[in-house]
N, C-alpha and C. Protein backbone atom coordinates (compact mmCIF):
# COMPACT_ATOMS: atom_id res chain seq x y z
N UNK A 1 96.25 30.65 -48.92
CA UNK A 1 96.49 28.73 -48.31
C UNK A 1 95.46 29.00 -47.63
N UNK A 2 94.59 27.58 -47.67
CA UNK A 2 93.71 27.40 -47.11
C UNK A 2 93.88 27.10 -45.41
N UNK A 3 92.95 27.28 -44.81
CA UNK A 3 93.09 26.98 -43.33
C UNK A 3 92.33 25.91 -42.79
N UNK A 4 93.79 24.92 -42.01
CA UNK A 4 94.05 23.90 -42.11
C UNK A 4 92.30 23.25 -40.72
N UNK A 5 92.46 24.40 -40.37
CA UNK A 5 91.35 24.27 -38.98
C UNK A 5 89.85 24.03 -39.83
N UNK A 6 89.44 24.96 -41.10
CA UNK A 6 87.87 24.83 -41.51
C UNK A 6 87.54 23.38 -41.86
N UNK A 7 89.08 22.58 -42.25
CA UNK A 7 88.32 21.17 -42.93
C UNK A 7 87.82 20.54 -41.69
N UNK A 8 88.10 20.63 -40.95
CA UNK A 8 87.82 19.27 -39.97
C UNK A 8 86.82 19.73 -39.02
N UNK A 9 86.35 21.19 -39.07
CA UNK A 9 84.91 21.69 -38.19
C UNK A 9 83.86 21.41 -39.93
N UNK A 10 84.40 21.81 -40.67
CA UNK A 10 83.36 21.48 -41.63
C UNK A 10 82.71 20.06 -42.13
N UNK A 11 83.81 19.06 -41.91
CA UNK A 11 83.96 17.81 -42.17
C UNK A 11 82.92 17.20 -40.83
N UNK A 12 83.46 17.65 -39.77
CA UNK A 12 82.79 17.03 -38.06
C UNK A 12 81.50 17.96 -38.01
N UNK A 13 80.67 19.12 -38.83
CA UNK A 13 79.54 19.38 -39.27
C UNK A 13 78.66 18.58 -40.03
N UNK A 14 79.33 18.29 -41.38
CA UNK A 14 78.93 17.30 -41.68
C UNK A 14 77.81 15.83 -41.20
N UNK A 15 79.65 15.10 -40.14
CA UNK A 15 79.13 13.99 -39.84
C UNK A 15 78.20 14.53 -38.86
N UNK A 16 78.19 15.31 -38.20
CA UNK A 16 76.69 15.00 -37.16
C UNK A 16 75.76 15.66 -37.99
N UNK A 17 75.66 16.42 -38.98
CA UNK A 17 74.37 16.16 -39.51
C UNK A 17 73.76 15.13 -40.48
N UNK A 18 74.74 14.67 -40.50
CA UNK A 18 74.58 13.16 -41.14
C UNK A 18 74.24 12.24 -40.15
N UNK A 19 74.88 11.96 -39.11
CA UNK A 19 74.31 11.31 -38.02
C UNK A 19 72.88 11.32 -37.54
N UNK A 20 72.53 12.99 -37.50
CA UNK A 20 70.75 13.05 -37.23
C UNK A 20 70.08 12.82 -38.20
N UNK A 21 70.13 12.81 -39.60
CA UNK A 21 69.39 12.61 -40.11
C UNK A 21 69.36 10.66 -40.02
N UNK A 22 69.96 10.27 -39.75
CA UNK A 22 69.89 8.96 -39.73
C UNK A 22 68.70 8.44 -38.47
N UNK A 23 69.29 9.14 -37.37
CA UNK A 23 69.25 8.86 -36.05
C UNK A 23 67.53 9.42 -36.37
N UNK A 24 66.71 10.61 -37.12
CA UNK A 24 65.94 10.83 -37.30
C UNK A 24 64.54 10.12 -38.16
N UNK A 25 65.64 9.08 -38.91
CA UNK A 25 64.48 8.64 -40.03
C UNK A 25 64.69 6.92 -38.80
N UNK A 26 65.53 6.56 -37.75
CA UNK A 26 65.75 5.43 -37.53
C UNK A 26 64.83 5.78 -36.49
N UNK A 27 64.29 6.72 -36.11
CA UNK A 27 63.32 7.66 -35.05
C UNK A 27 61.93 6.70 -35.12
N UNK A 28 61.50 7.15 -36.83
CA UNK A 28 60.08 6.67 -37.16
C UNK A 28 60.48 5.55 -37.32
N UNK A 29 61.14 4.50 -37.50
CA UNK A 29 61.27 3.09 -38.23
C UNK A 29 61.03 2.78 -36.47
N UNK A 30 61.75 2.65 -35.32
CA UNK A 30 61.13 2.38 -34.53
C UNK A 30 59.65 3.18 -33.78
N UNK A 31 59.30 3.97 -34.40
CA UNK A 31 57.96 4.16 -33.54
C UNK A 31 57.18 3.34 -34.15
N UNK A 32 57.65 2.66 -35.31
CA UNK A 32 56.51 1.88 -35.91
C UNK A 32 56.46 0.43 -35.81
N UNK A 33 57.74 -0.05 -35.25
CA UNK A 33 58.29 -1.49 -35.76
C UNK A 33 58.42 -1.61 -34.17
N UNK A 34 58.81 -1.01 -33.23
CA UNK A 34 58.96 -1.12 -32.07
C UNK A 34 60.89 -2.00 -31.62
N UNK A 35 60.95 -2.34 -30.67
CA UNK A 35 62.11 -2.14 -30.00
C UNK A 35 62.39 -3.50 -30.17
N UNK A 36 61.58 -4.37 -30.89
CA UNK A 36 61.94 -6.27 -31.03
C UNK A 36 63.84 -6.07 -31.51
N UNK A 37 64.57 -7.05 -31.13
CA UNK A 37 66.03 -6.99 -31.45
C UNK A 37 65.97 -7.61 -32.86
N UNK A 38 66.48 -7.09 -33.78
CA UNK A 38 67.47 -7.70 -34.97
C UNK A 38 68.86 -7.04 -34.94
N UNK A 39 69.40 -7.61 -36.21
CA UNK A 39 70.63 -6.95 -36.25
C UNK A 39 70.55 -5.47 -36.77
N UNK A 40 71.66 -5.10 -36.69
CA UNK A 40 71.88 -3.67 -37.48
C UNK A 40 71.85 -3.73 -38.51
N UNK A 41 72.43 -4.67 -39.63
CA UNK A 41 72.07 -4.70 -40.98
C UNK A 41 70.48 -4.70 -41.31
N UNK A 42 69.91 -5.36 -40.73
CA UNK A 42 68.45 -5.25 -40.73
C UNK A 42 68.17 -3.73 -40.87
N UNK A 43 68.25 -3.47 -39.36
CA UNK A 43 67.67 -1.82 -38.80
C UNK A 43 67.88 -1.05 -40.35
N UNK A 44 69.79 -1.03 -40.98
CA UNK A 44 70.40 -0.32 -41.65
C UNK A 44 69.26 -0.40 -43.09
N UNK A 45 68.74 -1.51 -43.47
CA UNK A 45 68.09 -1.37 -44.53
C UNK A 45 66.57 -0.84 -44.36
N UNK A 46 65.96 -0.86 -42.96
CA UNK A 46 65.04 -0.10 -42.92
C UNK A 46 64.88 1.31 -42.51
N UNK A 47 65.80 1.60 -42.52
CA UNK A 47 66.43 2.93 -42.21
C UNK A 47 67.37 3.68 -43.35
N UNK A 48 67.32 2.43 -44.06
CA UNK A 48 68.02 3.04 -45.84
C UNK A 48 69.28 3.89 -45.39
N UNK A 49 70.13 3.03 -44.82
CA UNK A 49 71.26 3.41 -45.10
C UNK A 49 72.41 1.83 -45.37
N UNK A 50 73.65 1.90 -45.71
CA UNK A 50 74.75 0.67 -45.43
C UNK A 50 74.88 0.54 -44.21
N UNK A 51 74.67 -1.00 -43.88
CA UNK A 51 75.19 -1.31 -42.34
C UNK A 51 76.51 -0.47 -42.12
N UNK A 52 77.41 -0.29 -43.08
CA UNK A 52 78.62 0.30 -42.62
C UNK A 52 78.60 2.26 -42.02
N UNK A 53 77.71 2.34 -42.84
CA UNK A 53 77.49 3.90 -42.26
C UNK A 53 76.53 3.77 -40.37
N UNK A 54 75.63 2.63 -40.78
CA UNK A 54 75.33 2.74 -39.22
C UNK A 54 75.95 2.35 -37.99
N UNK A 55 77.26 1.62 -38.50
CA UNK A 55 77.90 0.83 -37.40
C UNK A 55 79.02 2.43 -37.09
N UNK A 56 79.64 2.86 -38.42
CA UNK A 56 80.15 4.29 -37.86
C UNK A 56 79.62 5.20 -36.95
N UNK A 57 78.19 5.23 -37.25
CA UNK A 57 77.86 6.06 -36.31
C UNK A 57 77.13 5.85 -34.93
N UNK A 58 77.02 5.10 -34.95
CA UNK A 58 76.38 4.66 -33.58
C UNK A 58 77.14 3.14 -32.72
N UNK A 59 78.22 2.39 -33.82
CA UNK A 59 79.05 1.03 -32.93
C UNK A 59 78.11 -0.25 -32.76
N UNK A 60 76.91 0.13 -32.23
CA UNK A 60 76.22 -1.28 -32.06
C UNK A 60 74.91 -0.68 -31.95
N UNK A 61 74.09 -1.68 -31.60
CA UNK A 61 72.71 -2.38 -31.99
C UNK A 61 72.39 -1.60 -30.43
N UNK A 62 72.94 -1.70 -29.58
CA UNK A 62 72.65 -1.11 -28.29
C UNK A 62 72.91 -0.09 -28.10
N UNK A 63 73.99 0.80 -29.26
CA UNK A 63 74.18 1.86 -28.86
C UNK A 63 72.85 2.65 -29.70
N UNK A 64 72.78 2.11 -30.40
CA UNK A 64 71.45 2.67 -31.77
C UNK A 64 70.35 3.07 -31.02
N UNK A 65 69.88 1.48 -30.18
CA UNK A 65 68.69 1.82 -29.24
C UNK A 65 68.83 3.02 -28.58
N UNK A 66 69.83 3.19 -27.49
CA UNK A 66 70.13 3.84 -26.66
C UNK A 66 70.18 5.26 -26.97
N UNK A 67 70.86 5.56 -28.26
CA UNK A 67 70.43 6.86 -28.98
C UNK A 67 68.96 7.34 -29.29
N UNK A 68 68.56 6.27 -30.19
CA UNK A 68 67.33 6.67 -30.45
C UNK A 68 66.49 7.33 -29.23
N UNK A 69 66.37 5.92 -28.44
CA UNK A 69 64.82 6.36 -27.05
C UNK A 69 65.38 7.73 -26.67
N UNK A 70 66.61 7.90 -26.61
CA UNK A 70 66.99 9.06 -25.38
C UNK A 70 67.14 10.48 -26.46
N UNK A 71 66.76 10.14 -27.79
CA UNK A 71 66.41 11.61 -28.74
C UNK A 71 64.59 11.45 -28.57
N UNK A 72 64.23 10.50 -28.62
CA UNK A 72 62.56 10.53 -28.56
C UNK A 72 61.96 10.65 -27.19
N UNK A 73 63.23 10.93 -26.81
CA UNK A 73 62.40 11.05 -24.99
C UNK A 73 62.79 12.67 -24.84
N UNK A 74 64.25 13.46 -25.63
CA UNK A 74 64.27 14.92 -25.52
C UNK A 74 62.94 15.56 -26.19
N UNK A 75 62.71 15.03 -27.46
CA UNK A 75 61.45 15.49 -28.33
C UNK A 75 60.57 15.77 -27.15
N UNK A 76 60.20 14.45 -26.73
CA UNK A 76 58.56 14.97 -25.59
C UNK A 76 58.93 15.58 -24.18
N UNK A 77 59.75 15.87 -23.89
CA UNK A 77 60.13 17.14 -22.89
C UNK A 77 60.46 17.89 -23.21
N UNK A 78 60.62 18.16 -24.31
CA UNK A 78 60.29 19.44 -25.01
C UNK A 78 59.13 19.92 -25.52
N UNK A 79 58.11 18.88 -25.81
CA UNK A 79 57.11 19.34 -26.05
C UNK A 79 56.14 19.71 -24.88
N UNK A 80 56.80 18.67 -24.17
CA UNK A 80 56.17 18.87 -22.58
C UNK A 80 56.27 20.34 -21.56
N UNK A 81 57.44 20.98 -22.38
CA UNK A 81 57.69 21.94 -21.96
C UNK A 81 57.45 22.96 -22.86
N UNK A 82 56.95 23.29 -23.88
CA UNK A 82 55.63 24.07 -24.76
C UNK A 82 54.11 24.19 -24.11
N UNK A 83 53.88 23.22 -23.26
CA UNK A 83 52.66 23.24 -22.84
C UNK A 83 52.15 23.94 -21.55
N UNK A 84 51.15 23.58 -20.91
CA UNK A 84 51.02 24.53 -19.58
C UNK A 84 51.70 23.91 -18.47
N UNK A 85 53.13 24.46 -18.71
CA UNK A 85 54.04 24.66 -17.13
C UNK A 85 53.14 24.50 -15.97
N UNK A 86 52.18 25.64 -15.86
CA UNK A 86 51.55 25.61 -14.66
C UNK A 86 50.55 23.76 -13.77
N UNK A 87 49.91 23.71 -14.90
CA UNK A 87 49.17 22.43 -14.90
C UNK A 87 50.23 21.30 -14.35
N UNK A 88 51.63 21.49 -14.72
CA UNK A 88 52.67 20.29 -14.76
C UNK A 88 53.05 20.74 -13.37
N UNK A 89 53.42 22.11 -13.20
CA UNK A 89 54.01 22.16 -11.72
C UNK A 89 52.80 21.99 -10.80
N UNK A 90 51.83 21.70 -10.92
CA UNK A 90 50.83 21.46 -9.78
C UNK A 90 50.64 19.98 -10.08
N UNK A 91 50.96 19.35 -11.10
CA UNK A 91 50.51 17.71 -11.00
C UNK A 91 51.44 16.89 -9.68
N UNK A 92 50.70 15.68 -9.01
CA UNK A 92 51.77 15.33 -8.49
C UNK A 92 52.11 14.22 -9.66
N UNK A 93 53.44 13.77 -9.04
CA UNK A 93 54.42 12.85 -9.67
C UNK A 93 53.33 11.26 -9.97
N UNK A 94 52.01 10.90 -9.37
CA UNK A 94 51.49 10.03 -10.49
C UNK A 94 50.50 10.58 -11.35
N UNK A 95 50.55 12.36 -11.32
CA UNK A 95 49.49 12.48 -12.41
C UNK A 95 50.06 12.59 -13.44
N UNK A 96 51.90 13.23 -13.27
CA UNK A 96 52.86 13.30 -14.26
C UNK A 96 52.88 11.91 -14.99
N UNK A 97 53.06 11.16 -14.34
CA UNK A 97 53.40 9.42 -14.85
C UNK A 97 51.93 9.24 -15.89
N UNK A 98 50.99 9.54 -14.97
CA UNK A 98 49.43 8.79 -16.07
C UNK A 98 49.83 9.79 -17.48
N UNK A 99 49.98 11.28 -17.43
CA UNK A 99 50.00 12.07 -18.31
C UNK A 99 50.58 11.44 -19.83
N UNK A 100 51.84 11.16 -19.45
CA UNK A 100 53.16 10.51 -19.80
C UNK A 100 52.57 9.22 -20.31
N UNK A 101 52.04 8.27 -20.10
CA UNK A 101 50.95 6.88 -20.57
C UNK A 101 50.18 7.35 -21.40
N UNK A 102 49.36 8.59 -21.08
CA UNK A 102 48.68 8.79 -22.28
C UNK A 102 49.36 9.52 -23.57
N UNK A 103 50.05 9.65 -23.32
CA UNK A 103 51.13 10.08 -24.28
C UNK A 103 51.36 8.30 -25.56
N UNK A 104 52.54 8.51 -24.46
CA UNK A 104 53.11 6.66 -24.78
C UNK A 104 51.94 6.10 -25.66
N UNK A 105 50.87 6.15 -24.77
CA UNK A 105 50.16 4.82 -25.67
C UNK A 105 49.59 5.25 -27.37
N UNK A 106 50.48 6.91 -27.97
CA UNK A 106 50.35 7.11 -29.17
C UNK A 106 51.23 6.81 -30.02
N UNK A 107 52.14 5.92 -29.43
CA UNK A 107 53.47 5.40 -30.19
C UNK A 107 54.09 4.45 -29.26
N UNK A 108 53.08 3.57 -29.26
CA UNK A 108 53.69 1.80 -28.82
C UNK A 108 54.81 1.43 -29.03
N UNK A 109 55.59 1.52 -30.29
CA UNK A 109 56.63 1.52 -30.38
C UNK A 109 57.84 1.64 -29.78
N UNK A 110 57.59 3.03 -29.38
CA UNK A 110 58.74 3.72 -28.20
C UNK A 110 58.29 2.83 -26.98
N UNK A 111 57.35 2.78 -26.85
CA UNK A 111 56.78 2.26 -25.20
C UNK A 111 58.22 0.82 -25.15
N UNK A 112 57.78 0.19 -26.22
CA UNK A 112 58.17 -1.10 -26.65
C UNK A 112 59.86 -1.11 -26.76
N UNK A 113 59.90 -0.03 -27.09
CA UNK A 113 61.64 0.23 -27.48
C UNK A 113 62.27 0.26 -26.34
N UNK A 114 61.74 1.13 -25.37
CA UNK A 114 61.97 0.91 -23.53
C UNK A 114 62.16 0.23 -22.90
N UNK A 115 60.93 -0.96 -23.42
CA UNK A 115 61.27 -2.52 -22.70
C UNK A 115 62.03 -2.91 -23.13
N UNK A 116 62.56 -2.78 -24.12
CA UNK A 116 64.30 -3.88 -24.94
C UNK A 116 65.14 -3.04 -23.99
N UNK A 117 65.06 -2.03 -23.75
CA UNK A 117 66.67 -1.62 -22.94
C UNK A 117 66.33 -1.61 -21.84
N UNK A 118 65.33 -2.02 -21.01
CA UNK A 118 65.19 -2.02 -19.71
C UNK A 118 65.69 -3.51 -19.83
N UNK A 119 65.21 -4.63 -20.41
CA UNK A 119 65.45 -5.86 -20.46
C UNK A 119 66.68 -6.44 -20.78
N UNK A 120 67.13 -5.30 -21.69
CA UNK A 120 68.53 -4.85 -22.08
C UNK A 120 69.80 -5.18 -20.86
N UNK A 121 69.23 -4.27 -20.34
CA UNK A 121 69.87 -3.44 -19.16
C UNK A 121 70.74 -4.58 -18.27
N UNK A 122 69.05 -6.08 -18.19
CA UNK A 122 69.61 -6.70 -16.81
C UNK A 122 71.12 -7.78 -17.00
N UNK A 123 71.11 -7.41 -18.89
CA UNK A 123 72.47 -8.49 -19.00
C UNK A 123 73.97 -8.03 -19.00
N UNK A 124 74.73 -8.51 -18.72
CA UNK A 124 76.33 -8.03 -19.15
C UNK A 124 76.33 -8.03 -19.73
N UNK A 125 76.18 -8.23 -21.05
CA UNK A 125 76.46 -8.28 -22.25
C UNK A 125 75.99 -6.56 -22.96
N UNK A 126 75.31 -5.96 -22.48
CA UNK A 126 74.73 -4.79 -23.37
C UNK A 126 74.89 -3.91 -21.92
N UNK A 127 76.12 -3.15 -21.73
CA UNK A 127 76.69 -2.25 -21.04
C UNK A 127 75.92 -1.15 -21.93
N UNK A 128 75.97 -0.55 -22.56
CA UNK A 128 75.34 0.93 -23.33
C UNK A 128 73.80 0.90 -22.77
N UNK A 129 73.17 -0.13 -23.07
CA UNK A 129 71.71 -0.04 -22.57
C UNK A 129 71.57 -0.10 -21.07
N UNK A 130 73.05 -0.77 -20.24
CA UNK A 130 73.11 -0.82 -18.56
C UNK A 130 73.55 0.51 -18.26
N UNK A 131 74.20 1.24 -18.66
CA UNK A 131 74.73 2.64 -18.43
C UNK A 131 73.55 3.68 -18.49
N UNK A 132 72.33 3.63 -19.42
CA UNK A 132 71.65 4.33 -19.94
C UNK A 132 70.36 4.59 -19.13
N UNK A 133 70.21 3.06 -18.80
CA UNK A 133 68.89 2.40 -17.74
C UNK A 133 68.91 3.00 -16.62
N UNK A 134 70.20 2.80 -16.22
CA UNK A 134 70.88 2.79 -14.64
C UNK A 134 70.84 4.13 -14.68
N UNK A 135 70.98 4.91 -15.32
CA UNK A 135 71.54 6.79 -15.25
C UNK A 135 69.89 7.12 -15.56
N UNK A 136 68.99 6.84 -16.12
CA UNK A 136 67.72 7.14 -16.38
C UNK A 136 66.91 7.57 -15.02
N UNK A 137 66.88 5.93 -14.04
CA UNK A 137 66.30 5.27 -13.24
C UNK A 137 66.94 6.28 -11.78
N UNK A 138 67.91 6.37 -11.94
CA UNK A 138 68.84 7.47 -10.78
C UNK A 138 68.51 8.99 -11.24
N UNK A 139 68.23 9.32 -12.48
CA UNK A 139 67.79 10.67 -12.39
C UNK A 139 66.15 10.89 -12.00
N UNK A 140 65.23 10.18 -12.24
CA UNK A 140 63.95 9.79 -11.96
C UNK A 140 63.40 10.00 -10.51
N UNK A 141 64.40 8.98 -10.08
CA UNK A 141 63.93 9.33 -8.69
C UNK A 141 64.63 10.17 -7.86
N UNK A 142 65.99 11.20 -8.53
CA UNK A 142 66.17 11.86 -8.00
C UNK A 142 65.04 13.31 -7.83
N UNK A 143 64.71 13.33 -8.86
CA UNK A 143 63.49 14.40 -9.69
C UNK A 143 61.96 14.05 -8.64
N UNK A 144 61.42 13.13 -8.95
CA UNK A 144 60.48 12.61 -8.16
C UNK A 144 60.19 12.34 -6.46
N UNK A 145 61.63 12.51 -5.75
CA UNK A 145 61.94 12.43 -4.52
C UNK A 145 61.57 13.93 -3.95
N UNK A 146 62.67 14.58 -4.81
CA UNK A 146 62.19 16.38 -4.72
C UNK A 146 60.90 16.73 -4.64
N UNK A 147 60.42 16.35 -5.75
CA UNK A 147 58.56 16.71 -6.08
C UNK A 147 58.07 16.32 -4.59
N UNK A 148 58.22 15.24 -4.19
CA UNK A 148 57.46 14.28 -3.17
C UNK A 148 57.56 15.20 -2.09
N UNK A 149 58.28 15.31 -1.84
CA UNK A 149 59.18 16.16 -0.48
C UNK A 149 58.64 17.68 -0.62
N UNK A 150 58.12 18.27 -1.77
CA UNK A 150 57.56 19.38 -2.03
C UNK A 150 56.36 19.24 -1.86
N UNK A 151 55.86 18.15 -2.40
CA UNK A 151 54.14 18.10 -2.32
C UNK A 151 53.31 17.68 -0.70
N UNK A 152 55.21 17.20 -0.05
CA UNK A 152 54.39 17.12 1.42
C UNK A 152 54.39 18.25 1.96
N UNK A 153 55.42 19.05 1.99
CA UNK A 153 55.37 20.20 2.26
C UNK A 153 54.25 20.87 2.27
N UNK A 154 53.23 20.88 1.58
CA UNK A 154 51.95 21.59 0.73
C UNK A 154 50.78 21.04 0.72
N UNK A 155 51.12 19.47 1.75
CA UNK A 155 50.07 18.95 2.46
C UNK A 155 49.51 18.19 1.39
N UNK A 156 50.01 18.12 0.23
CA UNK A 156 49.26 17.45 -1.02
C UNK A 156 49.46 15.51 -0.81
N UNK A 157 50.66 14.75 -0.18
CA UNK A 157 51.04 13.42 -0.01
C UNK A 157 51.32 13.77 1.60
N UNK A 158 50.96 11.97 1.78
CA UNK A 158 51.42 12.14 3.24
C UNK A 158 52.57 12.24 3.63
N UNK A 159 52.86 12.68 5.21
CA UNK A 159 53.67 12.72 5.06
C UNK A 159 54.53 11.85 6.02
N UNK A 160 53.98 10.50 6.02
CA UNK A 160 54.58 9.11 6.98
C UNK A 160 55.27 8.51 5.91
N UNK A 161 55.19 8.78 4.81
CA UNK A 161 56.23 7.88 3.54
C UNK A 161 57.67 8.85 3.69
N UNK A 162 58.11 7.74 3.41
CA UNK A 162 59.50 8.50 2.86
C UNK A 162 59.48 8.92 1.49
N UNK A 163 60.19 10.02 1.48
CA UNK A 163 60.03 10.42 0.07
C UNK A 163 60.75 9.57 -1.06
N UNK A 164 61.94 9.16 -0.66
CA UNK A 164 62.71 8.37 -1.76
C UNK A 164 62.36 6.81 -1.85
N UNK A 165 61.52 6.28 -1.10
CA UNK A 165 60.92 5.05 -1.30
C UNK A 165 59.44 5.53 -2.08
N UNK A 166 58.72 6.54 -2.21
CA UNK A 166 57.68 7.20 -2.71
C UNK A 166 57.95 6.88 -3.89
N UNK A 167 59.00 8.00 -4.64
CA UNK A 167 59.80 7.84 -5.79
C UNK A 167 59.89 6.71 -6.81
N UNK A 168 60.44 5.76 -5.81
CA UNK A 168 60.65 4.74 -6.27
C UNK A 168 59.27 3.64 -6.51
N UNK A 169 58.49 3.55 -6.01
CA UNK A 169 57.46 2.94 -5.80
C UNK A 169 56.15 3.73 -7.08
N UNK A 170 56.51 4.73 -7.08
CA UNK A 170 55.80 5.65 -8.59
C UNK A 170 56.59 5.14 -9.98
N UNK A 171 58.18 5.02 -10.14
CA UNK A 171 58.44 4.64 -11.03
C UNK A 171 57.89 3.14 -11.37
N UNK A 172 58.01 2.21 -10.29
CA UNK A 172 58.02 0.99 -10.38
C UNK A 172 56.45 0.40 -11.08
N UNK A 173 55.65 1.56 -9.84
CA UNK A 173 54.16 1.17 -10.62
C UNK A 173 53.96 1.94 -12.15
N UNK A 174 54.38 2.65 -12.43
CA UNK A 174 54.22 3.25 -13.98
C UNK A 174 55.29 2.57 -15.52
N UNK A 175 56.18 1.99 -14.76
CA UNK A 175 57.09 1.03 -15.75
C UNK A 175 56.15 -0.63 -15.79
N UNK A 176 55.65 -0.93 -14.49
CA UNK A 176 54.97 -2.27 -14.57
C UNK A 176 53.66 -2.45 -14.99
N UNK A 177 53.02 -1.04 -15.13
CA UNK A 177 51.77 -0.85 -15.82
C UNK A 177 51.84 -0.60 -17.24
N UNK A 178 53.07 0.14 -17.50
CA UNK A 178 53.18 0.31 -18.90
C UNK A 178 53.49 -1.40 -19.22
N UNK A 179 53.93 -2.13 -18.90
CA UNK A 179 54.20 -3.45 -19.35
C UNK A 179 53.31 -4.36 -19.46
N UNK A 180 52.58 -4.50 -18.37
CA UNK A 180 50.99 -4.97 -18.63
C UNK A 180 50.44 -4.68 -19.71
N UNK A 181 50.25 -3.23 -20.23
CA UNK A 181 49.29 -2.58 -21.05
C UNK A 181 49.73 -2.78 -22.42
N UNK A 182 51.34 -3.10 -23.10
CA UNK A 182 52.16 -3.58 -24.02
C UNK A 182 51.45 -5.14 -23.89
N UNK A 183 51.26 -5.85 -22.65
CA UNK A 183 50.26 -7.19 -22.67
C UNK A 183 49.41 -7.60 -23.19
N UNK A 184 48.40 -6.71 -22.11
CA UNK A 184 47.11 -6.57 -22.24
C UNK A 184 46.63 -4.72 -22.50
N UNK A 185 45.86 -4.42 -23.85
CA UNK A 185 45.97 -3.26 -23.59
C UNK A 185 44.55 -3.02 -23.24
N UNK A 186 43.76 -3.96 -22.37
CA UNK A 186 42.69 -3.41 -21.31
C UNK A 186 43.60 -2.71 -20.08
N UNK A 187 44.28 -3.15 -20.36
CA UNK A 187 44.71 -2.75 -18.35
C UNK A 187 44.71 -0.86 -18.46
N UNK A 188 44.25 -0.69 -17.71
CA UNK A 188 43.93 0.99 -17.03
C UNK A 188 44.84 1.49 -16.31
N UNK A 189 46.57 1.82 -17.35
CA UNK A 189 47.33 1.92 -16.69
C UNK A 189 46.80 3.38 -15.86
N UNK A 190 46.20 4.46 -16.38
CA UNK A 190 46.40 5.74 -15.82
C UNK A 190 44.94 5.38 -14.60
N UNK A 191 43.99 4.62 -14.50
CA UNK A 191 43.46 4.62 -13.81
C UNK A 191 44.21 4.26 -12.57
N UNK A 192 44.62 2.81 -12.56
CA UNK A 192 45.79 2.61 -11.58
C UNK A 192 46.72 3.48 -11.15
N UNK A 193 47.56 4.50 -11.91
CA UNK A 193 47.96 5.49 -11.37
C UNK A 193 47.27 6.58 -10.57
N UNK A 194 45.95 6.84 -10.78
CA UNK A 194 44.82 7.81 -9.61
C UNK A 194 45.05 7.17 -8.62
N UNK A 195 45.02 5.93 -8.51
CA UNK A 195 44.78 4.97 -7.19
C UNK A 195 45.94 5.11 -6.18
N UNK A 196 46.90 5.41 -7.20
CA UNK A 196 48.04 5.17 -6.03
C UNK A 196 48.29 6.44 -5.62
N UNK A 197 47.76 8.07 -6.42
CA UNK A 197 47.64 8.89 -5.97
C UNK A 197 46.67 9.35 -4.74
N UNK A 198 45.79 8.51 -4.74
CA UNK A 198 44.62 8.37 -3.79
C UNK A 198 45.23 7.87 -2.30
N UNK A 199 46.30 6.55 -2.39
CA UNK A 199 47.04 6.17 -1.86
C UNK A 199 47.68 6.57 -0.75
N UNK A 200 48.74 7.57 -1.72
CA UNK A 200 49.87 8.52 -0.96
C UNK A 200 48.85 10.02 -0.93
N UNK A 201 47.85 10.45 -0.81
CA UNK A 201 47.36 11.85 -0.55
C UNK A 201 46.73 11.09 0.84
N UNK A 202 47.12 12.61 2.21
CA UNK A 202 46.80 12.54 3.25
C UNK A 202 45.37 12.17 3.82
N UNK A 203 45.56 11.86 4.97
CA UNK A 203 44.01 11.05 5.50
C UNK A 203 42.79 12.91 5.32
N UNK A 204 41.50 12.05 4.45
CA UNK A 204 40.61 13.39 4.79
C UNK A 204 39.62 13.84 5.95
């Protein structure tokens, strides 16, 4: 007699694998095309699947955009973790943002997708984007606040600034400069963040 539990497990595993295949292809598409809003039906055609399949696995356009960016960001984090961790630990928050900016310029489509998600998050009609972007900003602020506090203790960041406000400022500077760069590639994102580092450094 067949094991009734085996079929659901096998079906679930196939579903997870199929979703990942679609997501992998969607990441390639968005890396090339950016995040300009189109319909799920149009994106399904670009990805090479049916509209029904895309709707089944992702539900809505916002959910697809969030899944694509979340997966791409996770891959970027994994790649960074395989790099020189000592250099990363020694970096100031603005230096880390500057490195990320340099990497982002290699895949401008994902930068555009991120900007699309942030813009969507401001509207009540896009709950998936709102939840993801709000969660991301909160996690970034928490992590950067801890980094700033540690760097203040080691004397690398001036001790008369509030760590939480400094964290929010670094994120605002990085995201704002990224948007300016999308509109005008002559904007020197990295140099501006280097200036922010100097402004946060203790007086010599």
